[in-house]
C-alpha atoms as a PDB file:
ATOM      1  CA  UNK A   1     129.653 108.356  79.354  1.00  0.00           C
ATOM      2  CA  UNK A   2     126.158 108.856  80.276  1.00  0.00           C
ATOM      3  CA  UNK A   3     125.833 112.272  82.164  1.00  0.00           C
ATOM      4  CA  UNK A   4     124.950 111.546  86.324  1.00  0.00           C
ATOM      5  CA  UNK A   5     125.557 115.105  87.760  1.00  0.00           C
ATOM      6  CA  UNK A   6     123.383 113.933  90.281  1.00  0.00           C
ATOM      7  CA  UNK A   7     122.791 110.335  91.007  1.00  0.00           C
ATOM      8  CA  UNK A   8     119.600 109.297  92.617  1.00  0.00           C
ATOM      9  CA  UNK A   9     119.123 107.267  96.015  1.00  0.00           C
ATOM     10  CA  UNK A  10     119.764 103.948  95.346  1.00  0.00           C
ATOM     11  CA  UNK A  11     122.387 104.760  92.691  1.00  0.00           C
ATOM     12  CA  UNK A  12     123.811 106.437  95.908  1.00  0.00           C
ATOM     13  CA  UNK A  13     123.357 103.379  98.176  1.00  0.00           C
ATOM     14  CA  UNK A  14     124.594 100.586  95.507  1.00  0.00           C
ATOM     15  CA  UNK A  15     127.946 102.531  95.405  1.00  0.00           C
ATOM     16  CA  UNK A  16     128.012 102.848  98.947  1.00  0.00           C
ATOM     17  CA  UNK A  17     127.576  98.840  99.338  1.00  0.00           C
ATOM     18  CA  UNK A  18     130.261  98.956  97.012  1.00  0.00           C
ATOM     19  CA  UNK A  19     132.660 100.740  98.881  1.00  0.00           C
ATOM     20  CA  UNK A  20     131.824  98.714 102.257  1.00  0.00           C
ATOM     21  CA  UNK A  21     131.591  95.222 100.453  1.00  0.00           C
ATOM     22  CA  UNK A  22     129.847  92.463 101.237  1.00  0.00           C
ATOM     23  CA  UNK A  23     127.910  92.231 104.731  1.00  0.00           C
ATOM     24  CA  UNK A  24     128.609  90.293 107.520  1.00  0.00           C
ATOM     25  CA  UNK A  25     127.427  87.013 107.542  1.00  0.00           C
ATOM     26  CA  UNK A  26     126.362  87.325 103.432  1.00  0.00           C
ATOM     27  CA  UNK A  27     128.828  85.607 100.376  1.00  0.00           C
ATOM     28  CA  UNK A  28     132.084  86.930 100.135  1.00  0.00           C
ATOM     29  CA  UNK A  29     131.807  88.803 103.165  1.00  0.00           C
ATOM     30  CA  UNK A  30     135.580  89.848 104.010  1.00  0.00           C
ATOM     31  CA  UNK A  31     136.478  90.304 100.761  1.00  0.00           C
ATOM     32  CA  UNK A  32     137.665  93.529  98.881  1.00  0.00           C
ATOM     33  CA  UNK A  33     136.651  94.859  95.978  1.00  0.00           C
ATOM     34  CA  UNK A  34     133.924  93.507  93.338  1.00  0.00           C
ATOM     35  CA  UNK A  35     130.349  92.464  94.112  1.00  0.00           C
ATOM     36  CA  UNK A  36     127.808  90.692  91.576  1.00  0.00           C
ATOM     37  CA  UNK A  37     124.477  92.183  91.308  1.00  0.00           C
ATOM     38  CA  UNK A  38     123.112  88.674  93.794  1.00  0.00           C
ATOM     39  CA  UNK A  39     125.882  89.861  96.200  1.00  0.00           C
ATOM     40  CA  UNK A  40     124.355  93.932  95.954  1.00  0.00           C
ATOM     41  CA  UNK A  41     121.266  92.378  96.754  1.00  0.00           C
ATOM     42  CA  UNK A  42     121.943  89.885  99.824  1.00  0.00           C
ATOM     43  CA  UNK A  43     123.941  92.756 101.562  1.00  0.00           C
ATOM     44  CA  UNK A  44     121.848  95.598 101.400  1.00  0.00           C
ATOM     45  CA  UNK A  45     118.859  93.371 102.434  1.00  0.00           C
ATOM     46  CA  UNK A  46     120.834  91.531 105.477  1.00  0.00           C
ATOM     47  CA  UNK A  47     122.011  95.486 106.270  1.00  0.00           C
ATOM     48  CA  UNK A  48     120.313  98.835 104.237  1.00  0.00           C
ATOM     49  CA  UNK A  49     117.222  96.822 103.937  1.00  0.00           C
ATOM     50  CA  UNK A  50     115.524  97.300 107.236  1.00  0.00           C
ATOM     51  CA  UNK A  51     115.374 100.940 106.365  1.00  0.00           C
ATOM     52  CA  UNK A  52     115.793 101.632 102.664  1.00  0.00           C
ATOM     53  CA  UNK A  53     114.293  99.617  99.909  1.00  0.00           C
ATOM     54  CA  UNK A  54     115.984  98.276  96.849  1.00  0.00           C
ATOM     55  CA  UNK A  55     115.116  95.966  94.646  1.00  0.00           C
ATOM     56  CA  UNK A  56     116.595  93.132  92.642  1.00  0.00           C
ATOM     57  CA  UNK A  57     115.450  94.697  89.262  1.00  0.00           C
ATOM     58  CA  UNK A  58     116.394  98.163  90.579  1.00  0.00           C
ATOM     59  CA  UNK A  59     119.941  97.364  91.087  1.00  0.00           C
ATOM     60  CA  UNK A  60     119.963  95.589  87.929  1.00  0.00           C
ATOM     61  CA  UNK A  61     119.204  98.409  85.919  1.00  0.00           C
ATOM     62  CA  UNK A  62     121.261 101.074  88.140  1.00  0.00           C
ATOM     63  CA  UNK A  63     124.174  98.807  87.589  1.00  0.00           C
ATOM     64  CA  UNK A  64     124.022  99.515  83.802  1.00  0.00           C
ATOM     65  CA  UNK A  65     123.302 102.911  84.269  1.00  0.00           C
ATOM     66  CA  UNK A  66     126.405 103.316  86.760  1.00  0.00           C
ATOM     67  CA  UNK A  67     128.966 101.656  84.393  1.00  0.00           C
ATOM     68  CA  UNK A  68     127.504 103.737  81.289  1.00  0.00           C
ATOM     69  CA  UNK A  69     128.418 106.973  83.591  1.00  0.00           C
ATOM     70  CA  UNK A  70     131.982 105.137  84.733  1.00  0.00           C
ATOM     71  CA  UNK A  71     130.962 104.855  87.887  1.00  0.00           C
ATOM     72  CA  UNK A  72     131.483 101.537  88.327  1.00  0.00           C
ATOM     73  CA  UNK A  73     133.456  98.606  86.472  1.00  0.00           C
ATOM     74  CA  UNK A  74     132.718  95.114  85.002  1.00  0.00           C
ATOM     75  CA  UNK A  75     135.186  93.123  87.337  1.00  0.00           C
ATOM     76  CA  UNK A  76     136.850  89.985  85.726  1.00  0.00           C
ATOM     77  CA  UNK A  77     134.785  87.403  83.773  1.00  0.00           C
ATOM     78  CA  UNK A  78     131.099  86.794  83.867  1.00  0.00           C
ATOM     79  CA  UNK A  79     130.489  84.167  86.694  1.00  0.00           C
ATOM     80  CA  UNK A  80     127.929  81.271  87.081  1.00  0.00           C
ATOM     81  CA  UNK A  81     124.527  82.146  85.495  1.00  0.00           C
ATOM     82  CA  UNK A  82     126.262  85.225  84.005  1.00  0.00           C
ATOM     83  CA  UNK A  83     126.235  87.264  86.737  1.00  0.00           C
ATOM     84  CA  UNK A  84     129.022  89.748  86.584  1.00  0.00           C
ATOM     85  CA  UNK A  85     130.893  91.526  89.314  1.00  0.00           C
ATOM     86  CA  UNK A  86     131.350  95.082  89.563  1.00  0.00           C
ATOM     87  CA  UNK A  87     133.508  97.316  90.903  1.00  0.00           C
ATOM     88  CA  UNK A  88     133.680 101.014  92.633  1.00  0.00           C
ATOM     89  CA  UNK A  89     135.292 103.908  90.442  1.00  0.00           C
ATOM     90  CA  UNK A  90     136.994 106.739  91.967  1.00  0.00           C
ATOM     91  CA  UNK A  91     134.684 108.274  89.905  1.00  0.00           C
ATOM     92  CA  UNK A  92     132.137 107.029  91.372  1.00  0.00           C
ATOM     93  CA  UNK A  93     134.187 106.965  94.776  1.00  0.00           C
ATOM     94  CA  UNK A  94     133.566 110.883  94.432  1.00  0.00           C
ATOM     95  CA  UNK A  95     129.941 110.707  93.491  1.00  0.00           C
ATOM     96  CA  UNK A  96     129.225 108.605  96.323  1.00  0.00           C
ATOM     97  CA  UNK A  97     130.911 110.700  98.405  1.00  0.00           C
ATOM     98  CA  UNK A  98     129.136 114.126  97.022  1.00  0.00           C
ATOM     99  CA  UNK A  99     125.837 112.446  97.407  1.00  0.00           C
ATOM    100  CA  UNK A 100     126.273 111.328 100.966  1.00  0.00           C
ATOM    101  CA  UNK A 101     127.459 115.038 102.067  1.00  0.00           C
ATOM    102  CA  UNK A 102     124.730 116.809 100.687  1.00  0.00           C
ATOM    103  CA  UNK A 103     122.631 114.577 102.213  1.00  0.00           C
ATOM    104  CA  UNK A 104     124.078 115.262 105.462  1.00  0.00           C
ATOM    105  CA  UNK A 105     124.199 118.694 105.001  1.00  0.00           C
ATOM    106  CA  UNK A 106     120.346 118.977 104.058  1.00  0.00           C
ATOM    107  CA  UNK A 107     118.024 120.280 106.680  1.00  0.00           C
ATOM    108  CA  UNK A 108     117.286 117.450 109.243  1.00  0.00           C
ATOM    109  CA  UNK A 109     113.792 116.003 109.059  1.00  0.00           C
ATOM    110  CA  UNK A 110     111.799 113.006 110.197  1.00  0.00           C
ATOM    111  CA  UNK A 111     112.014 109.266 109.387  1.00  0.00           C
ATOM    112  CA  UNK A 112     109.362 108.059 107.189  1.00  0.00           C
ATOM    113  CA  UNK A 113     107.933 105.202 108.876  1.00  0.00           C
ATOM    114  CA  UNK A 114     105.444 102.435 107.092  1.00  0.00           C
ATOM    115  CA  UNK A 115     104.174 100.015 109.220  1.00  0.00           C
ATOM    116  CA  UNK A 116     101.590  97.840 108.208  1.00  0.00           C
ATOM    117  CA  UNK A 117     101.976  96.656 111.651  1.00  0.00           C
ATOM    118  CA  UNK A 118     101.543  99.927 113.676  1.00  0.00           C
ATOM    119  CA  UNK A 119      98.272 100.406 111.024  1.00  0.00           C
ATOM    120  CA  UNK A 120      97.013  97.017 111.613  1.00  0.00           C
ATOM    121  CA  UNK A 121      97.268  98.008 115.429  1.00  0.00           C
ATOM    122  CA  UNK A 122      95.946 101.112 115.033  1.00  0.00           C
ATOM    123  CA  UNK A 123      92.750 100.069 113.557  1.00  0.00           C
ATOM    124  CA  UNK A 124      92.824  96.542 115.665  1.00  0.00           C
ATOM    125  CA  UNK A 125      90.003  96.963 117.732  1.00  0.00           C
ATOM    126  CA  UNK A 126      87.963  96.503 114.168  1.00  0.00           C
ATOM    127  CA  UNK A 127      89.328  93.090 113.862  1.00  0.00           C
ATOM    128  CA  UNK A 128      88.222  89.903 115.198  1.00  0.00           C
ATOM    129  CA  UNK A 129      90.338  89.557 118.288  1.00  0.00           C
ATOM    130  CA  UNK A 130      91.135  86.528 117.192  1.00  0.00           C
ATOM    131  CA  UNK A 131      92.477  87.521 113.888  1.00  0.00           C
ATOM    132  CA  UNK A 132      94.474  90.435 115.559  1.00  0.00           C
ATOM    133  CA  UNK A 133      96.361  88.147 117.818  1.00  0.00           C
ATOM    134  CA  UNK A 134      97.447  85.476 114.599  1.00  0.00           C
ATOM    135  CA  UNK A 135      98.772  88.628 113.296  1.00  0.00           C
ATOM    136  CA  UNK A 136     100.738  90.254 116.498  1.00  0.00           C
ATOM    137  CA  UNK A 137     102.410  86.313 116.593  1.00  0.00           C
ATOM    138  CA  UNK A 138     103.282  85.750 113.175  1.00  0.00           C
ATOM    139  CA  UNK A 139     104.453  89.464 113.462  1.00  0.00           C
ATOM    140  CA  UNK A 140     106.838  88.636 116.449  1.00  0.00           C
ATOM    141  CA  UNK A 141     108.257  85.348 115.175  1.00  0.00           C
ATOM    142  CA  UNK A 142     108.896  87.673 111.720  1.00  0.00           C
ATOM    143  CA  UNK A 143     110.902  89.618 114.250  1.00  0.00           C
ATOM    144  CA  UNK A 144     112.654  87.178 116.275  1.00  0.00           C
ATOM    145  CA  UNK A 145     114.011  85.240 113.299  1.00  0.00           C
ATOM    146  CA  UNK A 146     115.033  89.492 112.077  1.00  0.00           C
ATOM    147  CA  UNK A 147     116.766  89.635 115.765  1.00  0.00           C
ATOM    148  CA  UNK A 148     118.189  86.491 115.070  1.00  0.00           C
ATOM    149  CA  UNK A 149     119.509  87.613 111.335  1.00  0.00           C
ATOM    150  CA  UNK A 150     121.068  91.009 113.167  1.00  0.00           C
ATOM    151  CA  UNK A 151     122.651  89.091 115.635  1.00  0.00           C
ATOM    152  CA  UNK A 152     124.254  86.352 114.006  1.00  0.00           C
ATOM    153  CA  UNK A 153     125.754  89.435 112.154  1.00  0.00           C
ATOM    154  CA  UNK A 154     127.235  90.953 114.562  1.00  0.00           C
ATOM    155  CA  UNK A 155     128.904  87.948 116.043  1.00  0.00           C
ATOM    156  CA  UNK A 156     130.288  87.419 112.068  1.00  0.00           C
ATOM    157  CA  UNK A 157     131.637  90.806 112.904  1.00  0.00           C
ATOM    158  CA  UNK A 158     135.441  91.266 112.482  1.00  0.00           C
ATOM    159  CA  UNK A 159     137.190  93.569 114.958  1.00  0.00           C
ATOM    160  CA  UNK A 160     137.691  95.846 113.112  1.00  0.00           C
ATOM    161  CA  UNK A 161     134.506  95.886 111.604  1.00  0.00           C
ATOM    162  CA  UNK A 162     132.614  95.827 115.007  1.00  0.00           C
ATOM    163  CA  UNK A 163     134.545  99.208 115.295  1.00  0.00           C
ATOM    164  CA  UNK A 164     132.968 101.066 112.010  1.00  0.00           C
ATOM    165  CA  UNK A 165     129.761 102.902 111.891  1.00  0.00           C
ATOM    166  CA  UNK A 166     127.963 100.664 110.008  1.00  0.00           C
ATOM    167  CA  UNK A 167     128.291  97.895 112.489  1.00  0.00           C
ATOM    168  CA  UNK A 168     126.511 101.428 115.408  1.00  0.00           C
ATOM    169  CA  UNK A 169     123.495 101.055 112.783  1.00  0.00           C
ATOM    170  CA  UNK A 170     123.491  97.245 112.989  1.00  0.00           C
ATOM    171  CA  UNK A 171     123.683  97.560 116.833  1.00  0.00           C
ATOM    172  CA  UNK A 172     120.614 100.085 116.168  1.00  0.00           C
ATOM    173  CA  UNK A 173     118.308  96.844 114.143  1.00  0.00           C
ATOM    174  CA  UNK A 174     119.216  94.734 117.129  1.00  0.00           C
ATOM    175  CA  UNK A 175     117.912  97.418 119.764  1.00  0.00           C
ATOM    176  CA  UNK A 176     114.645  98.064 117.232  1.00  0.00           C
ATOM    177  CA  UNK A 177     114.277  94.055 116.933  1.00  0.00           C
ATOM    178  CA  UNK A 178     113.906  93.897 120.308  1.00  0.00           C
ATOM    179  CA  UNK A 179     111.780  97.108 120.958  1.00  0.00           C
ATOM    180  CA  UNK A 180     109.440  96.147 118.528  1.00  0.00           C
ATOM    181  CA  UNK A 181     109.087  92.289 119.709  1.00  0.00           C
ATOM    182  CA  UNK A 182     108.905  93.928 124.025  1.00  0.00           C
ATOM    183  CA  UNK A 183     106.283  96.568 121.766  1.00  0.00           C
ATOM    184  CA  UNK A 184     104.382  93.440 120.334  1.00  0.00           C
ATOM    185  CA  UNK A 185     104.211  91.632 123.734  1.00  0.00           C
ATOM    186  CA  UNK A 186     103.102  95.059 125.295  1.00  0.00           C
ATOM    187  CA  UNK A 187      99.770  94.981 123.018  1.00  0.00           C
ATOM    188  CA  UNK A 188      99.772  90.685 123.482  1.00  0.00           C
ATOM    189  CA  UNK A 189      99.472  91.532 127.073  1.00  0.00           C
ATOM    190  CA  UNK A 190      97.050  94.206 126.631  1.00  0.00           C
ATOM    191  CA  UNK A 191      94.567  92.312 124.665  1.00  0.00           C
ATOM    192  CA  UNK A 192      94.441  89.667 126.985  1.00  0.00           C
ATOM    193  CA  UNK A 193      93.334  91.949 129.334  1.00  0.00           C
ATOM    194  CA  UNK A 194      90.474  93.309 127.245  1.00  0.00           C
END
């Protein structure tokens, strides 16, 4: 068993996703138990992906490390394309709980926000107005689609899941998507007056 006395944030997020199971409106939602790397990627993309980056390659590398450390276990036979499902072990559940507790006890600090859109708008007066408007409209469309996805996830929630804390983060995502749309509309309006 590999020594993973302290797991990295990517590994911890995967353990947490395995604990929760597939995200609403993704393959396997409503089932408990094992998930493939692909299901973890889709669940991450639909849930924590808005505020935590996980690539497919990271997921597969971490799954191997977690399995070697005994924090996840292979579950069942490989499926199509040799997709292997993994289940959280008791040791994995403990490692995730310890990591999350340490994170919660850490000194409060601001979230790190990296937004190419905010950067473009910040320096937008150095762009041709037509390019800036097109960029804003493209970004608005992207955020409209994200809002639709989040609202579909909310609608797909079982009643028991709607009262859980991941649903609160989902509602935060809906509010942020609406905030971004309103902000883009304000910027476009200001550009129209310029």
